[in-house]
């Protein structure tokens, strides 16, 4: 299974903000550090704000900060929210699969997808930023002083 770029970016933004001590980086700064277009980062940040996982303040002294809910959110919940309820394989569409009515493969792939999400459910953003991961996240994209 391959995650959407927006899912990957959402997880990386949450992880980055979880380890920011006092700084509240702007969306532009986070986008530049992660090497992604500002517009893409802004869309992901907007969705994270809508979900209540990120706080964003405009203007001088503004920036991004992870919310309490963002620290304790399940990684599986974030992945589900960004991935949506899509199937692993496309069985419908312009040329529907003739096995669509009673396909065992489709059901097996759906179970595998749910097992993937279930394996992420117990992990929180705090869990995945623990240990040496936190300091490493702060160095990504930063230029040496």
N, C-alpha and C. Protein backbone atom coordinates (compact mmCIF):
# COMPACT_ATOMS: atom_id res chain seq x y z
N UNK A 1 0.85 -1.17 0.00
CA UNK A 1 0.00 0.00 0.00
C UNK A 1 0.89 1.23 0.00
N UNK A 2 0.51 2.21 -0.77
CA UNK A 2 1.28 3.44 -0.86
C UNK A 2 0.42 4.59 -0.36
N UNK A 3 0.98 5.40 0.55
CA UNK A 3 0.24 6.53 1.09
C UNK A 3 0.25 7.70 0.11
N UNK A 4 -0.80 8.48 0.15
CA UNK A 4 -0.84 9.71 -0.63
C UNK A 4 0.22 10.68 -0.09
N UNK A 5 0.69 11.56 -0.94
CA UNK A 5 1.69 12.55 -0.50
C UNK A 5 1.13 13.42 0.63
N UNK A 6 -0.15 13.74 0.55
CA UNK A 6 -0.74 14.59 1.59
C UNK A 6 -0.77 13.86 2.93
N UNK A 7 -0.97 12.55 2.93
CA UNK A 7 -0.96 11.78 4.17
C UNK A 7 0.44 11.79 4.78
N UNK A 8 1.43 11.53 3.95
CA UNK A 8 2.82 11.55 4.40
C UNK A 8 3.18 12.91 4.97
N UNK A 9 2.79 13.96 4.27
CA UNK A 9 3.11 15.32 4.71
C UNK A 9 2.38 15.65 6.01
N UNK A 10 1.14 15.24 6.15
CA UNK A 10 0.39 15.49 7.39
C UNK A 10 1.09 14.86 8.57
N UNK A 11 1.53 13.63 8.42
CA UNK A 11 2.23 12.95 9.51
C UNK A 11 3.55 13.64 9.83
N UNK A 12 4.29 14.03 8.80
CA UNK A 12 5.58 14.70 9.03
C UNK A 12 5.40 16.08 9.67
N UNK A 13 4.36 16.80 9.28
CA UNK A 13 4.09 18.11 9.90
C UNK A 13 3.74 17.92 11.37
N UNK A 14 2.86 16.98 11.66
CA UNK A 14 2.50 16.73 13.06
C UNK A 14 3.72 16.33 13.88
N UNK A 15 4.55 15.46 13.32
CA UNK A 15 5.75 15.03 14.03
C UNK A 15 6.70 16.20 14.26
N UNK A 16 6.88 17.02 13.25
CA UNK A 16 7.77 18.18 13.37
C UNK A 16 7.27 19.13 14.44
N UNK A 17 5.98 19.43 14.42
CA UNK A 17 5.43 20.35 15.40
C UNK A 17 5.46 19.77 16.81
N UNK A 18 5.36 18.45 16.92
CA UNK A 18 5.38 17.81 18.24
C UNK A 18 6.72 17.98 18.94
N UNK A 19 7.80 18.13 18.17
CA UNK A 19 9.11 18.26 18.79
C UNK A 19 9.61 19.70 18.84
N UNK A 20 8.86 20.64 18.28
CA UNK A 20 9.24 22.05 18.37
C UNK A 20 9.04 22.50 19.81
N UNK A 21 10.08 22.96 20.45
CA UNK A 21 9.99 23.36 21.85
C UNK A 21 9.17 24.63 22.01
N UNK A 22 9.73 25.74 21.65
CA UNK A 22 9.03 27.01 21.84
C UNK A 22 8.70 27.67 20.51
N UNK A 23 9.35 27.24 19.47
CA UNK A 23 9.16 27.87 18.16
C UNK A 23 7.79 27.55 17.59
N UNK A 24 7.25 28.50 16.87
CA UNK A 24 6.01 28.28 16.13
C UNK A 24 6.30 28.63 14.67
N UNK A 25 6.80 27.66 13.91
CA UNK A 25 7.19 27.95 12.53
C UNK A 25 5.99 28.29 11.66
N UNK A 26 6.24 29.09 10.66
CA UNK A 26 5.21 29.42 9.68
C UNK A 26 5.08 28.26 8.70
N UNK A 27 3.94 28.19 8.04
CA UNK A 27 3.72 27.14 7.05
C UNK A 27 4.79 27.18 5.97
N UNK A 28 5.18 28.37 5.54
CA UNK A 28 6.23 28.51 4.52
C UNK A 28 7.55 27.89 4.99
N UNK A 29 7.89 28.11 6.24
CA UNK A 29 9.13 27.56 6.79
C UNK A 29 9.08 26.03 6.82
N UNK A 30 7.97 25.50 7.28
CA UNK A 30 7.81 24.04 7.34
C UNK A 30 7.89 23.45 5.93
N UNK A 31 7.21 24.09 4.98
CA UNK A 31 7.23 23.62 3.60
C UNK A 31 8.65 23.63 3.04
N UNK A 32 9.37 24.71 3.27
CA UNK A 32 10.74 24.82 2.77
C UNK A 32 11.64 23.76 3.41
N UNK A 33 11.52 23.58 4.72
CA UNK A 33 12.34 22.58 5.42
C UNK A 33 12.06 21.17 4.91
N UNK A 34 10.81 20.91 4.55
CA UNK A 34 10.44 19.57 4.09
C UNK A 34 10.55 19.39 2.58
N UNK A 35 10.89 20.48 1.90
CA UNK A 35 11.10 20.40 0.45
C UNK A 35 9.83 20.15 -0.33
N UNK A 36 8.72 20.75 0.12
CA UNK A 36 7.44 20.59 -0.59
C UNK A 36 6.91 21.97 -0.97
N UNK A 37 6.08 22.04 -1.99
CA UNK A 37 5.49 23.33 -2.36
C UNK A 37 4.65 23.90 -1.22
N UNK A 38 4.74 25.23 -1.08
CA UNK A 38 3.97 25.91 -0.03
C UNK A 38 2.47 25.62 -0.16
N UNK A 39 1.95 25.63 -1.38
CA UNK A 39 0.51 25.43 -1.57
C UNK A 39 0.08 24.06 -1.08
N UNK A 40 0.91 23.06 -1.29
CA UNK A 40 0.58 21.71 -0.82
C UNK A 40 0.59 21.67 0.71
N UNK A 41 1.62 22.25 1.30
CA UNK A 41 1.70 22.28 2.77
C UNK A 41 0.52 23.06 3.36
N UNK A 42 0.14 24.16 2.72
CA UNK A 42 -0.96 24.98 3.22
C UNK A 42 -2.27 24.20 3.22
N UNK A 43 -2.51 23.40 2.19
CA UNK A 43 -3.73 22.58 2.14
C UNK A 43 -3.74 21.55 3.26
N UNK A 44 -2.59 20.92 3.49
CA UNK A 44 -2.50 19.91 4.55
C UNK A 44 -2.68 20.56 5.91
N UNK A 45 -2.05 21.71 6.13
CA UNK A 45 -2.19 22.42 7.40
C UNK A 45 -3.65 22.82 7.62
N UNK A 46 -4.32 23.27 6.57
CA UNK A 46 -5.74 23.64 6.69
C UNK A 46 -6.57 22.44 7.15
N UNK A 47 -6.30 21.28 6.60
CA UNK A 47 -7.04 20.07 7.00
C UNK A 47 -6.70 19.68 8.44
N UNK A 48 -5.44 19.79 8.81
CA UNK A 48 -5.04 19.47 10.19
C UNK A 48 -5.69 20.44 11.18
N UNK A 49 -5.82 21.71 10.78
CA UNK A 49 -6.53 22.69 11.62
C UNK A 49 -8.00 22.30 11.76
N UNK A 50 -8.60 21.94 10.64
CA UNK A 50 -10.01 21.54 10.63
C UNK A 50 -10.23 20.34 11.56
N UNK A 51 -9.28 19.44 11.60
CA UNK A 51 -9.36 18.26 12.46
C UNK A 51 -9.06 18.58 13.91
N UNK A 52 -8.61 19.80 14.20
CA UNK A 52 -8.28 20.19 15.57
C UNK A 52 -6.92 19.71 16.04
N UNK A 53 -6.05 19.34 15.12
CA UNK A 53 -4.75 18.80 15.49
C UNK A 53 -3.64 19.83 15.49
N UNK A 54 -3.87 20.94 14.79
CA UNK A 54 -2.88 22.01 14.68
C UNK A 54 -3.57 23.35 14.95
N UNK A 55 -2.87 24.19 15.69
CA UNK A 55 -3.31 25.57 15.89
C UNK A 55 -2.46 26.46 14.99
N UNK A 56 -3.08 27.42 14.34
CA UNK A 56 -2.35 28.33 13.46
C UNK A 56 -2.76 29.76 13.80
N UNK A 57 -1.76 30.59 13.98
CA UNK A 57 -2.00 32.01 14.25
C UNK A 57 -1.32 32.83 13.16
N UNK A 58 -2.02 33.86 12.68
CA UNK A 58 -1.49 34.72 11.63
C UNK A 58 -0.75 35.90 12.25
N UNK A 59 0.05 36.53 11.40
CA UNK A 59 0.68 37.78 11.77
C UNK A 59 1.94 37.61 12.60
N UNK A 60 2.40 38.74 13.10
CA UNK A 60 3.63 38.76 13.91
C UNK A 60 3.45 37.89 15.15
N UNK A 61 4.39 37.05 15.40
CA UNK A 61 4.30 36.16 16.55
C UNK A 61 3.41 34.96 16.29
N UNK A 62 2.93 34.83 15.07
CA UNK A 62 2.06 33.71 14.73
C UNK A 62 2.86 32.50 14.30
N UNK A 63 2.18 31.54 13.78
CA UNK A 63 2.83 30.33 13.31
C UNK A 63 2.00 29.11 13.64
N UNK A 64 2.61 27.97 13.50
CA UNK A 64 1.93 26.69 13.72
C UNK A 64 2.37 26.07 15.04
N UNK A 65 1.42 25.43 15.68
CA UNK A 65 1.71 24.67 16.90
C UNK A 65 0.80 23.46 16.93
N UNK A 66 1.30 22.38 17.48
CA UNK A 66 0.47 21.19 17.60
C UNK A 66 -0.46 21.37 18.79
N UNK A 67 -1.68 20.92 18.66
CA UNK A 67 -2.65 21.01 19.77
C UNK A 67 -2.48 19.79 20.67
N UNK A 68 -3.14 19.81 21.81
CA UNK A 68 -3.11 18.66 22.71
C UNK A 68 -3.67 17.43 22.00
N UNK A 69 -4.74 17.63 21.24
CA UNK A 69 -5.33 16.52 20.48
C UNK A 69 -4.34 15.99 19.44
N UNK A 70 -3.54 16.87 18.86
CA UNK A 70 -2.55 16.47 17.87
C UNK A 70 -1.47 15.57 18.45
N UNK A 71 -1.12 15.80 19.70
CA UNK A 71 -0.10 14.98 20.35
C UNK A 71 -0.59 13.56 20.62
N UNK A 72 -1.88 13.44 20.89
CA UNK A 72 -2.42 12.13 21.29
C UNK A 72 -3.22 11.43 20.21
N UNK A 73 -3.32 12.06 19.04
CA UNK A 73 -4.10 11.45 17.97
C UNK A 73 -3.45 10.14 17.53
N UNK A 74 -4.27 9.22 17.16
CA UNK A 74 -3.80 7.94 16.63
C UNK A 74 -3.24 8.16 15.22
N UNK A 75 -2.08 7.59 14.96
CA UNK A 75 -1.51 7.66 13.62
C UNK A 75 -2.48 7.04 12.62
N UNK A 76 -3.14 5.96 13.02
CA UNK A 76 -4.13 5.32 12.16
C UNK A 76 -5.28 6.25 11.81
N UNK A 77 -5.71 7.06 12.77
CA UNK A 77 -6.80 8.00 12.53
C UNK A 77 -6.40 9.07 11.51
N UNK A 78 -5.17 9.55 11.61
CA UNK A 78 -4.69 10.55 10.65
C UNK A 78 -4.61 9.93 9.25
N UNK A 79 -4.06 8.73 9.18
CA UNK A 79 -3.94 8.07 7.87
C UNK A 79 -5.31 7.83 7.27
N UNK A 80 -6.25 7.35 8.07
CA UNK A 80 -7.62 7.13 7.56
C UNK A 80 -8.24 8.43 7.05
N UNK A 81 -8.06 9.50 7.82
CA UNK A 81 -8.67 10.78 7.45
C UNK A 81 -8.13 11.30 6.12
N UNK A 82 -6.83 11.16 5.91
CA UNK A 82 -6.24 11.68 4.67
C UNK A 82 -6.39 10.72 3.50
N UNK A 83 -6.40 9.44 3.76
CA UNK A 83 -6.53 8.47 2.68
C UNK A 83 -7.97 8.32 2.22
N UNK A 84 -8.91 8.57 3.10
CA UNK A 84 -10.31 8.39 2.75
C UNK A 84 -10.68 6.92 2.75
N UNK A 85 -11.86 6.63 2.30
CA UNK A 85 -12.35 5.26 2.31
C UNK A 85 -12.22 4.64 0.91
N UNK A 86 -11.00 4.67 0.41
CA UNK A 86 -10.77 4.14 -0.94
C UNK A 86 -10.33 2.68 -0.87
N UNK A 87 -10.64 1.97 -1.91
CA UNK A 87 -10.23 0.57 -2.03
C UNK A 87 -8.77 0.50 -2.47
N UNK A 88 -8.11 -0.59 -2.14
CA UNK A 88 -6.73 -0.80 -2.56
C UNK A 88 -6.66 -0.94 -4.08
N UNK A 89 -7.62 -1.62 -4.66
CA UNK A 89 -7.69 -1.77 -6.12
C UNK A 89 -9.01 -1.19 -6.61
N UNK A 90 -8.98 -0.69 -7.82
CA UNK A 90 -10.17 -0.12 -8.44
C UNK A 90 -10.90 -1.22 -9.20
N UNK A 91 -12.05 -1.61 -8.69
CA UNK A 91 -12.83 -2.68 -9.33
C UNK A 91 -13.98 -2.14 -10.16
N UNK A 92 -14.27 -0.88 -10.00
CA UNK A 92 -15.36 -0.24 -10.75
C UNK A 92 -14.73 0.57 -11.87
N UNK A 93 -15.41 1.57 -12.34
CA UNK A 93 -14.83 2.47 -13.32
C UNK A 93 -15.28 2.19 -14.74
N UNK A 94 -14.48 2.66 -15.70
CA UNK A 94 -14.81 2.53 -17.12
C UNK A 94 -14.96 1.08 -17.55
N UNK A 95 -14.08 0.23 -17.08
CA UNK A 95 -14.16 -1.19 -17.42
C UNK A 95 -14.20 -2.00 -16.12
N UNK A 96 -15.39 -2.17 -15.56
CA UNK A 96 -15.50 -2.88 -14.28
C UNK A 96 -14.99 -4.31 -14.39
N UNK A 97 -14.43 -4.78 -13.31
CA UNK A 97 -13.91 -6.15 -13.26
C UNK A 97 -15.09 -7.13 -13.33
N UNK A 98 -14.99 -8.16 -14.15
CA UNK A 98 -16.09 -9.12 -14.25
C UNK A 98 -16.27 -9.95 -12.97
N UNK A 99 -15.25 -9.97 -12.11
CA UNK A 99 -15.35 -10.71 -10.85
C UNK A 99 -15.94 -9.87 -9.72
N UNK A 100 -16.26 -8.63 -10.00
CA UNK A 100 -16.69 -7.68 -8.99
C UNK A 100 -17.80 -8.20 -8.07
N UNK A 101 -18.74 -8.93 -8.59
CA UNK A 101 -19.88 -9.39 -7.79
C UNK A 101 -19.47 -10.33 -6.66
N UNK A 102 -18.49 -11.17 -6.89
CA UNK A 102 -18.11 -12.15 -5.87
C UNK A 102 -16.60 -12.39 -5.90
N UNK A 103 -15.84 -11.34 -5.67
CA UNK A 103 -14.38 -11.43 -5.76
C UNK A 103 -13.77 -11.65 -4.38
N UNK A 104 -13.08 -12.72 -4.21
CA UNK A 104 -12.41 -13.01 -2.95
C UNK A 104 -11.16 -12.14 -2.77
N UNK A 105 -10.50 -11.81 -3.87
CA UNK A 105 -9.31 -10.98 -3.78
C UNK A 105 -9.64 -9.60 -3.22
N UNK A 106 -10.70 -9.00 -3.71
CA UNK A 106 -11.11 -7.67 -3.24
C UNK A 106 -11.35 -7.68 -1.74
N UNK A 107 -12.06 -8.70 -1.24
CA UNK A 107 -12.32 -8.80 0.20
C UNK A 107 -11.02 -9.00 0.98
N UNK A 108 -10.12 -9.81 0.44
CA UNK A 108 -8.83 -10.06 1.11
C UNK A 108 -8.00 -8.78 1.18
N UNK A 109 -8.00 -8.02 0.10
CA UNK A 109 -7.25 -6.76 0.09
C UNK A 109 -7.86 -5.75 1.05
N UNK A 110 -9.17 -5.73 1.17
CA UNK A 110 -9.84 -4.83 2.11
C UNK A 110 -9.48 -5.19 3.56
N UNK A 111 -9.45 -6.51 3.84
CA UNK A 111 -9.04 -6.95 5.19
C UNK A 111 -7.58 -6.57 5.47
N UNK A 112 -6.73 -6.71 4.47
CA UNK A 112 -5.32 -6.33 4.63
C UNK A 112 -5.18 -4.83 4.89
N UNK A 113 -5.98 -4.04 4.19
CA UNK A 113 -5.96 -2.59 4.39
C UNK A 113 -6.39 -2.25 5.81
N UNK A 114 -7.44 -2.88 6.30
CA UNK A 114 -7.90 -2.64 7.66
C UNK A 114 -6.86 -3.09 8.68
N UNK A 115 -6.16 -4.19 8.41
CA UNK A 115 -5.09 -4.65 9.31
C UNK A 115 -3.96 -3.63 9.35
N UNK A 116 -3.66 -3.03 8.20
CA UNK A 116 -2.64 -1.98 8.13
C UNK A 116 -3.03 -0.81 9.03
N UNK A 117 -4.27 -0.33 8.88
CA UNK A 117 -4.74 0.77 9.71
C UNK A 117 -4.75 0.38 11.19
N UNK A 118 -5.21 -0.82 11.48
CA UNK A 118 -5.29 -1.29 12.87
C UNK A 118 -3.91 -1.33 13.51
N UNK A 119 -2.88 -1.65 12.73
CA UNK A 119 -1.53 -1.69 13.30
C UNK A 119 -1.02 -0.29 13.63
N UNK A 120 -1.60 0.74 13.00
CA UNK A 120 -1.21 2.13 13.28
C UNK A 120 -2.05 2.76 14.39
N UNK A 121 -3.21 2.19 14.68
CA UNK A 121 -4.12 2.77 15.66
C UNK A 121 -3.52 2.96 17.06
N UNK A 122 -2.73 2.03 17.59
CA UNK A 122 -2.21 2.23 18.94
C UNK A 122 -1.12 3.29 19.04
N UNK A 123 -0.53 3.68 17.91
CA UNK A 123 0.55 4.65 17.93
C UNK A 123 0.01 6.07 17.92
N UNK A 124 0.60 6.93 18.76
CA UNK A 124 0.26 8.34 18.75
C UNK A 124 1.42 9.12 18.14
N UNK A 125 1.20 10.38 17.85
CA UNK A 125 2.26 11.24 17.33
C UNK A 125 3.38 11.33 18.36
N UNK A 126 3.04 11.40 19.64
CA UNK A 126 4.05 11.43 20.69
C UNK A 126 4.90 10.16 20.66
N UNK A 127 4.27 9.02 20.44
CA UNK A 127 5.01 7.75 20.37
C UNK A 127 6.04 7.75 19.24
N UNK A 128 5.65 8.24 18.08
CA UNK A 128 6.54 8.15 16.93
C UNK A 128 7.60 9.25 16.89
N UNK A 129 7.55 10.19 17.83
CA UNK A 129 8.59 11.22 17.91
C UNK A 129 9.50 11.03 19.11
N UNK A 130 9.31 9.96 19.84
CA UNK A 130 10.11 9.70 21.04
C UNK A 130 11.55 9.34 20.66
N UNK A 131 12.42 9.43 21.63
CA UNK A 131 13.81 9.01 21.45
C UNK A 131 14.59 9.93 20.53
N UNK A 132 15.44 9.33 19.73
CA UNK A 132 16.32 10.10 18.86
C UNK A 132 15.60 10.68 17.64
N UNK A 133 14.36 10.28 17.42
CA UNK A 133 13.61 10.79 16.27
C UNK A 133 13.37 12.30 16.40
N UNK A 134 13.04 12.77 17.60
CA UNK A 134 12.75 14.18 17.82
C UNK A 134 13.86 15.12 17.37
N UNK A 135 15.08 14.95 17.89
CA UNK A 135 16.16 15.83 17.45
C UNK A 135 16.44 15.73 15.95
N UNK A 136 16.31 14.56 15.39
CA UNK A 136 16.52 14.39 13.97
C UNK A 136 15.49 15.19 13.17
N UNK A 137 14.24 15.17 13.61
CA UNK A 137 13.19 15.93 12.93
C UNK A 137 13.51 17.43 12.90
N UNK A 138 14.11 17.93 13.95
CA UNK A 138 14.42 19.36 14.01
C UNK A 138 15.56 19.75 13.07
N UNK A 139 16.39 18.79 12.69
CA UNK A 139 17.52 19.09 11.79
C UNK A 139 17.14 18.97 10.32
N UNK A 140 16.05 18.32 9.99
CA UNK A 140 15.67 18.11 8.59
C UNK A 140 15.44 19.45 7.92
N UNK A 141 16.13 19.67 6.83
CA UNK A 141 15.94 20.86 6.03
C UNK A 141 16.62 22.10 6.58
N UNK A 142 17.12 22.05 7.77
CA UNK A 142 17.77 23.23 8.36
C UNK A 142 19.20 23.36 7.85
N UNK A 143 19.60 24.58 7.62
CA UNK A 143 20.97 24.83 7.21
C UNK A 143 21.84 24.95 8.45
N UNK A 144 23.07 24.42 8.40
CA UNK A 144 23.95 24.54 9.56
C UNK A 144 24.24 26.00 9.88
N UNK A 145 24.36 26.31 11.15
CA UNK A 145 24.64 27.70 11.58
C UNK A 145 26.07 28.08 11.32
